[in-house]
Amino acid sequence: MSVIFPDHPAELSATPTDLALLLRSAPPGAPTDRVRLHGGNGFLLWADLPSVLVLGSSGGAGTTTTALGVAAAAAYDYGEHSPVVVDATPTGGDLARRGCDIIDAAGTVQSWLNMSHRSLPSAVLDACGENSASVGVLPRGPEALPRRESYSSVHRDLCEAGCLPVYDGGAHVTNRMVAPLLCDSRIGLVITVAARADAINRLKPALIWLDDNYSQYHLADSVIVVTRQHPSDGPTVANHARRYLEDVVRAVAEIPYDTHLAAGGPVTWSRMAQSTRAAYRQVVNLLR
C-alpha cells in the first residue's frame, strides 16, 4: 500500500480541536477501562496460563524457590503444560543446584541458544535438567549470552517448543537482562519480598522504579509474594503489604515457612508441606 505525503508540511498540522480529542479521557465502558470482575474492579483474565517472570525486591527474597514452586504448581494443576524454569539472573544463580532433584542439566541457556534447532522440544529437553514435579530446569553460565541473543529470543523459542517458561530473574528488579520480558505484557509478573521489616521497606523503591519504567498498568497486574524464611516470621509483613498495596497490585500472596525449603537443598514438590503447595497453587491461580 502506497502512502501519499502532502506537498506542504503545513497540511500535517493538527488543530486544537484534534489535539483535545486525542488527549480526552476515554468514555466509560471503553476497552481501556478496567473490567468489573467478581463484583469489584478487576482485570481481564488470561485465556491460558501465562508465562511468569519472578523478580526479587531485594537480595534473599526467595525468587528461585518461588519460581520452582510456581512451575511445580502449574505442572500439578495444569498437566497439559510443560513448565521450564529458566535462570534469568545477570550471571547465573543457584537454580541448577536447587531445581534439579532427579537429573542435572546437561546444558545452559547459552549452550542451548547455540543449538541450530533449539526451538524443537527435543533440543530443550537435551539442555534441561529434570525435576520430580515434571518441571524442566535450564540454568545459565556466568558468561554473556551469545551475540545478538537476549531473553526475548529465549522466550520466543521456548514458547515455540511448546514450553511454559517460568523465569528466575533474581534481584533486583532493575536487572537489565529481563528488560525484554518486562516489556511483554503477556508474561505474568511476580515480585517476591522476604517477610522482614527491612525487606518490606526496600519494596517501595522497587515498585516506584517499575512504575516509572514500565507503567502503572504492568504493575497493577503483578502479584507480590511474601516469603517466610524463618520459623519466627509471622503474618505482619504480608498484612502490611495487603493494607497499603491492595489497590496498587493484582494481589498479595504469602508462602509459609517450610523446613524443606529452608534446608537450602534441592526443591522437591512432594516434600513440601501441604500448606506450602497450596500457597504456590494459589499464586498460579492469581496470575490468571
Protein backbone atom coordinates (compact mmCIF):
# COMPACT_ATOMS: atom_id res chain seq x y z
CA MET A 1 0.00 0.00 0.00
CA SER A 2 1.46 3.35 -1.03
CA VAL A 3 1.42 6.38 1.23
CA ILE A 4 0.97 9.87 -0.29
CA PHE A 5 2.52 12.72 1.65
CA PRO A 6 1.14 16.26 1.26
CA ASP A 7 3.13 18.80 -0.73
CA HIS A 8 3.11 21.28 2.10
CA PRO A 9 4.15 20.33 5.64
CA ALA A 10 1.53 22.70 6.98
CA GLU A 11 -1.14 20.22 5.92
CA LEU A 12 0.11 17.81 8.62
CA SER A 13 -0.53 20.20 11.48
CA ALA A 14 -3.35 19.33 13.86
CA THR A 15 -5.98 21.79 15.02
CA PRO A 16 -6.56 22.49 18.73
CA THR A 17 -9.82 20.57 18.43
CA ASP A 18 -7.97 17.49 17.12
CA LEU A 19 -5.47 17.64 19.99
CA ALA A 20 -8.26 17.99 22.53
CA LEU A 21 -9.92 14.87 21.16
CA LEU A 22 -6.67 12.91 21.36
CA LEU A 23 -5.96 13.94 24.95
CA ARG A 24 -9.52 13.46 26.19
CA SER A 25 -10.05 10.63 28.68
CA ALA A 26 -11.73 7.51 27.35
CA PRO A 27 -15.51 7.43 27.97
CA PRO A 28 -16.94 4.92 30.46
CA GLY A 29 -17.07 1.43 29.01
CA ALA A 30 -14.16 1.96 26.61
CA PRO A 31 -11.87 -1.04 26.02
CA THR A 32 -9.12 0.64 28.06
CA ASP A 33 -11.23 0.73 31.21
CA ARG A 34 -10.86 -1.84 33.96
CA VAL A 35 -13.29 -4.70 33.64
CA ARG A 36 -15.53 -5.45 36.60
CA LEU A 37 -14.91 -8.98 37.83
CA HIS A 38 -16.28 -10.89 40.81
CA GLY A 39 -18.31 -7.90 41.95
CA GLY A 40 -15.43 -5.43 42.06
CA ASN A 41 -12.84 -3.68 39.94
CA GLY A 42 -10.62 -6.28 38.35
CA PHE A 43 -8.73 -7.08 35.19
CA LEU A 44 -9.27 -9.31 32.22
CA LEU A 45 -8.15 -12.88 32.82
CA TRP A 46 -5.58 -14.56 30.63
CA ALA A 47 -7.20 -17.08 28.31
CA ASP A 48 -4.49 -19.55 29.29
CA LEU A 49 -1.87 -19.90 31.97
CA PRO A 50 0.73 -17.20 31.24
CA SER A 51 4.49 -17.44 31.29
CA VAL A 52 5.89 -15.98 34.51
CA LEU A 53 8.78 -13.72 35.48
CA VAL A 54 9.80 -13.82 39.15
CA LEU A 55 11.82 -10.85 40.43
CA GLY A 56 13.05 -10.08 43.93
CA SER A 57 12.60 -6.67 45.52
CA SER A 58 15.93 -7.21 47.31
CA GLY A 59 18.51 -9.92 47.86
CA GLY A 60 17.40 -13.11 49.59
CA ALA A 61 13.76 -12.64 48.63
CA GLY A 62 13.22 -16.25 47.56
CA THR A 63 12.97 -15.83 43.80
CA THR A 64 14.45 -19.24 42.99
CA THR A 65 12.22 -21.23 45.34
CA THR A 66 9.20 -19.19 44.21
CA ALA A 67 9.94 -19.83 40.53
CA LEU A 68 10.35 -23.55 41.20
CA GLY A 69 7.21 -23.66 43.34
CA VAL A 70 5.11 -21.81 40.77
CA ALA A 71 6.34 -24.09 37.97
CA ALA A 72 5.64 -27.22 40.03
CA ALA A 73 2.15 -25.95 40.90
CA ALA A 74 1.48 -25.23 37.22
CA ALA A 75 2.54 -28.76 36.31
CA TYR A 76 0.37 -30.17 39.11
CA ASP A 77 -2.82 -28.25 38.26
CA TYR A 78 -2.35 -27.81 34.52
CA GLY A 79 -0.86 -31.06 33.29
CA GLU A 80 -1.13 -30.12 29.61
CA HIS A 81 1.66 -27.56 30.07
CA SER A 82 5.41 -28.24 30.10
CA PRO A 83 6.91 -25.78 32.60
CA VAL A 84 10.58 -24.92 32.27
CA VAL A 85 12.27 -22.80 34.94
CA VAL A 86 14.90 -20.60 33.30
CA ASP A 87 17.76 -18.82 35.06
CA ALA A 88 17.49 -15.17 34.02
CA THR A 89 19.82 -13.76 36.68
CA PRO A 90 22.64 -11.47 35.49
CA THR A 91 25.46 -14.01 35.88
CA GLY A 92 23.78 -17.26 36.89
CA GLY A 93 22.31 -18.19 40.26
CA ASP A 94 21.76 -21.43 42.16
CA LEU A 95 18.83 -22.65 40.07
CA ALA A 96 20.74 -25.70 38.84
CA ARG A 97 21.61 -26.78 42.38
CA ARG A 98 18.15 -26.23 43.83
CA GLY A 99 16.00 -27.14 40.86
CA CYS A 100 17.42 -30.46 39.65
CA ASP A 101 16.40 -33.13 42.14
CA ILE A 102 16.49 -36.00 39.59
CA ILE A 103 18.85 -35.27 36.69
CA ASP A 104 21.38 -32.43 36.46
CA ALA A 105 21.17 -30.11 33.49
CA ALA A 106 23.34 -31.12 30.53
CA GLY A 107 23.41 -27.58 29.13
CA THR A 108 22.88 -23.93 29.92
CA VAL A 109 20.88 -21.09 28.41
CA GLN A 110 23.99 -20.16 26.43
CA SER A 111 24.70 -23.65 25.06
CA TRP A 112 21.04 -24.14 24.18
CA LEU A 113 20.98 -20.81 22.30
CA ASN A 114 23.89 -22.09 20.21
CA MET A 115 21.91 -25.12 19.02
CA SER A 116 20.84 -24.99 15.40
CA HIS A 117 17.33 -26.36 16.09
CA ARG A 118 16.80 -25.04 19.59
CA SER A 119 13.03 -24.47 19.16
CA LEU A 120 12.45 -28.23 18.88
CA PRO A 121 11.14 -29.86 22.07
CA SER A 122 13.94 -32.44 21.90
CA ALA A 123 16.60 -29.70 21.94
CA VAL A 124 15.06 -28.12 25.05
CA LEU A 125 14.91 -31.50 26.79
CA ASP A 126 18.54 -32.21 25.92
CA ALA A 127 19.66 -28.97 27.59
CA CYS A 128 17.42 -29.05 30.66
CA GLY A 129 17.80 -30.77 33.97
CA GLU A 130 14.88 -32.67 35.41
CA ASN A 131 12.72 -32.13 38.48
CA SER A 132 10.46 -34.75 40.07
CA ALA A 133 7.48 -32.40 39.58
CA SER A 134 7.81 -32.84 35.77
CA VAL A 135 9.47 -29.43 35.51
CA GLY A 136 12.46 -28.71 33.28
CA VAL A 137 15.34 -26.65 34.65
CA LEU A 138 17.51 -24.53 32.34
CA PRO A 139 20.39 -22.85 34.20
CA ARG A 140 22.76 -20.25 32.81
CA GLY A 141 26.51 -19.85 33.00
CA PRO A 142 28.38 -16.71 34.09
CA GLU A 143 29.34 -15.75 30.52
CA ALA A 144 27.30 -13.39 28.36
CA LEU A 145 24.57 -14.70 26.08
CA PRO A 146 25.65 -15.43 22.50
CA ARG A 147 25.89 -12.40 20.26
CA ARG A 148 22.56 -10.86 19.21
CA GLU A 149 20.65 -13.09 21.62
CA SER A 150 18.52 -11.91 24.53
CA TYR A 151 15.81 -13.29 26.78
CA SER A 152 13.36 -12.17 24.13
CA SER A 153 14.73 -14.82 21.77
CA VAL A 154 14.90 -17.29 24.68
CA HIS A 155 11.20 -16.74 25.35
CA ARG A 156 10.22 -16.92 21.69
CA ASP A 157 11.93 -20.25 21.08
CA LEU A 158 10.79 -21.87 24.34
CA CYS A 159 7.19 -20.97 23.55
CA GLU A 160 7.62 -22.31 20.02
CA ALA A 161 8.85 -25.57 21.55
CA GLY A 162 5.58 -25.80 23.49
CA CYS A 163 7.06 -24.96 26.89
CA LEU A 164 5.68 -22.74 29.64
CA PRO A 165 8.68 -20.62 30.70
CA VAL A 166 8.99 -19.51 34.33
CA TYR A 167 11.93 -17.10 34.69
CA ASP A 168 14.01 -16.74 37.84
CA GLY A 169 15.14 -13.11 37.43
CA GLY A 170 16.77 -12.86 40.86
CA ALA A 171 17.18 -9.47 42.49
CA HIS A 172 17.00 -6.58 41.86
CA VAL A 173 14.08 -5.57 39.61
CA THR A 174 16.50 -3.36 37.68
CA ASN A 175 18.21 -6.47 36.25
CA ARG A 176 18.65 -5.34 32.63
CA MET A 177 18.74 -8.94 31.36
CA VAL A 178 14.99 -9.28 31.94
CA ALA A 179 14.00 -5.95 30.36
CA PRO A 180 12.64 -7.71 27.21
CA LEU A 181 10.47 -9.89 29.45
CA LEU A 182 9.15 -6.93 31.43
CA CYS A 183 8.19 -5.26 28.16
CA ASP A 184 5.97 -8.22 27.25
CA SER A 185 2.56 -7.74 28.87
CA ARG A 186 1.70 -11.37 28.13
CA ILE A 187 4.19 -12.51 30.79
CA GLY A 188 2.88 -12.53 34.35
CA LEU A 189 4.99 -10.69 36.91
CA VAL A 190 5.70 -11.96 40.43
CA ILE A 191 7.62 -9.76 42.87
CA THR A 192 8.99 -11.56 45.92
CA VAL A 193 9.79 -9.95 49.26
CA ALA A 194 11.12 -11.64 52.38
CA ALA A 195 8.94 -11.45 55.49
CA ARG A 196 11.29 -8.97 57.20
CA ALA A 197 10.88 -5.32 58.10
CA ASP A 198 13.99 -4.25 56.18
CA ALA A 199 12.81 -6.13 53.08
CA ILE A 200 9.35 -4.55 53.03
CA ASN A 201 10.98 -1.14 53.40
CA ARG A 202 13.05 -1.83 50.28
CA LEU A 203 9.97 -2.88 48.34
CA LYS A 204 8.75 0.69 47.87
CA PRO A 205 11.66 1.94 45.71
CA ALA A 206 11.46 -1.25 43.64
CA LEU A 207 7.77 -0.66 42.90
CA ILE A 208 8.40 3.01 42.11
CA TRP A 209 11.13 2.03 39.64
CA LEU A 210 8.82 -0.46 37.92
CA ASP A 211 6.05 2.12 37.78
CA ASP A 212 8.37 4.76 36.31
CA ASN A 213 9.85 2.45 33.68
CA TYR A 214 7.04 0.04 32.79
CA SER A 215 3.83 1.96 33.68
CA GLN A 216 1.24 1.51 36.37
CA TYR A 217 -0.75 -0.92 34.25
CA HIS A 218 2.02 -3.52 34.23
CA LEU A 219 2.48 -3.12 37.97
CA ALA A 220 -1.26 -3.36 38.54
CA ASP A 221 -1.28 -6.88 37.10
CA SER A 222 1.65 -8.12 39.22
CA VAL A 223 1.42 -10.41 42.24
CA ILE A 224 3.52 -9.72 45.31
CA VAL A 225 4.64 -12.88 47.11
CA VAL A 226 5.82 -12.59 50.72
CA THR A 227 8.14 -15.48 51.63
CA ARG A 228 8.51 -16.58 55.23
CA GLN A 229 12.06 -17.88 55.55
CA HIS A 230 12.46 -18.16 59.33
CA PRO A 231 10.31 -20.01 61.89
CA SER A 232 9.69 -16.74 63.75
CA ASP A 233 8.33 -14.94 60.67
CA GLY A 234 4.70 -14.03 61.22
CA PRO A 235 1.91 -12.50 59.11
CA THR A 236 2.85 -8.88 59.92
CA VAL A 237 4.70 -8.16 56.67
CA ALA A 238 2.05 -9.75 54.46
CA ASN A 239 -0.74 -7.91 56.27
CA HIS A 240 1.17 -4.64 55.94
CA ALA A 241 1.62 -5.23 52.19
CA ARG A 242 -2.06 -6.02 51.74
CA ARG A 243 -3.09 -2.93 53.66
CA TYR A 244 -1.08 -0.50 51.58
CA LEU A 245 -0.76 -2.23 48.22
CA GLU A 246 -4.08 -3.98 47.62
CA ASP A 247 -5.13 -1.18 45.26
CA VAL A 248 -1.75 -1.00 43.53
CA VAL A 249 -1.14 -4.63 42.51
CA ARG A 250 -3.33 -7.54 41.50
CA ALA A 251 -2.86 -9.41 44.78
CA VAL A 252 -0.55 -10.10 47.71
CA ALA A 253 0.13 -13.76 48.50
CA GLU A 254 2.19 -15.43 51.19
CA ILE A 255 4.37 -18.55 51.22
CA PRO A 256 4.53 -20.06 54.74
CA TYR A 257 7.74 -21.14 56.40
CA ASP A 258 8.69 -24.60 55.18
CA THR A 259 11.51 -26.66 56.69
CA HIS A 260 12.17 -28.35 53.35
CA LEU A 261 12.72 -25.03 51.55
CA ALA A 262 14.71 -23.61 54.47
CA ALA A 263 17.20 -26.52 54.28
CA GLY A 264 18.69 -24.99 51.12
CA GLY A 265 18.90 -28.24 49.16
CA PRO A 266 17.13 -29.37 46.01
CA VAL A 267 13.47 -28.38 45.97
CA THR A 268 11.10 -31.33 45.74
CA TRP A 269 7.36 -30.69 45.38
CA SER A 270 6.29 -33.83 47.25
CA ARG A 271 8.46 -32.94 50.26
CA MET A 272 6.92 -29.50 50.76
CA ALA A 273 4.28 -29.06 53.43
CA GLN A 274 0.70 -29.22 52.19
CA SER A 275 0.17 -25.57 53.13
CA THR A 276 3.21 -24.56 51.05
CA ARG A 277 1.97 -26.43 47.99
CA ALA A 278 -1.45 -24.83 48.42
CA ALA A 279 0.15 -21.38 48.60
CA TYR A 280 2.05 -21.89 45.33
CA ARG A 281 -1.13 -23.15 43.66
CA GLN A 282 -2.89 -20.01 44.85
CA VAL A 283 -0.16 -17.85 43.25
CA VAL A 284 -0.68 -19.64 39.93
CA ASN A 285 -4.42 -19.01 40.11
CA LEU A 286 -3.86 -15.35 40.96
CA LEU A 287 -1.68 -14.94 37.87
CA ARG A 288 -4.59 -15.92 35.66
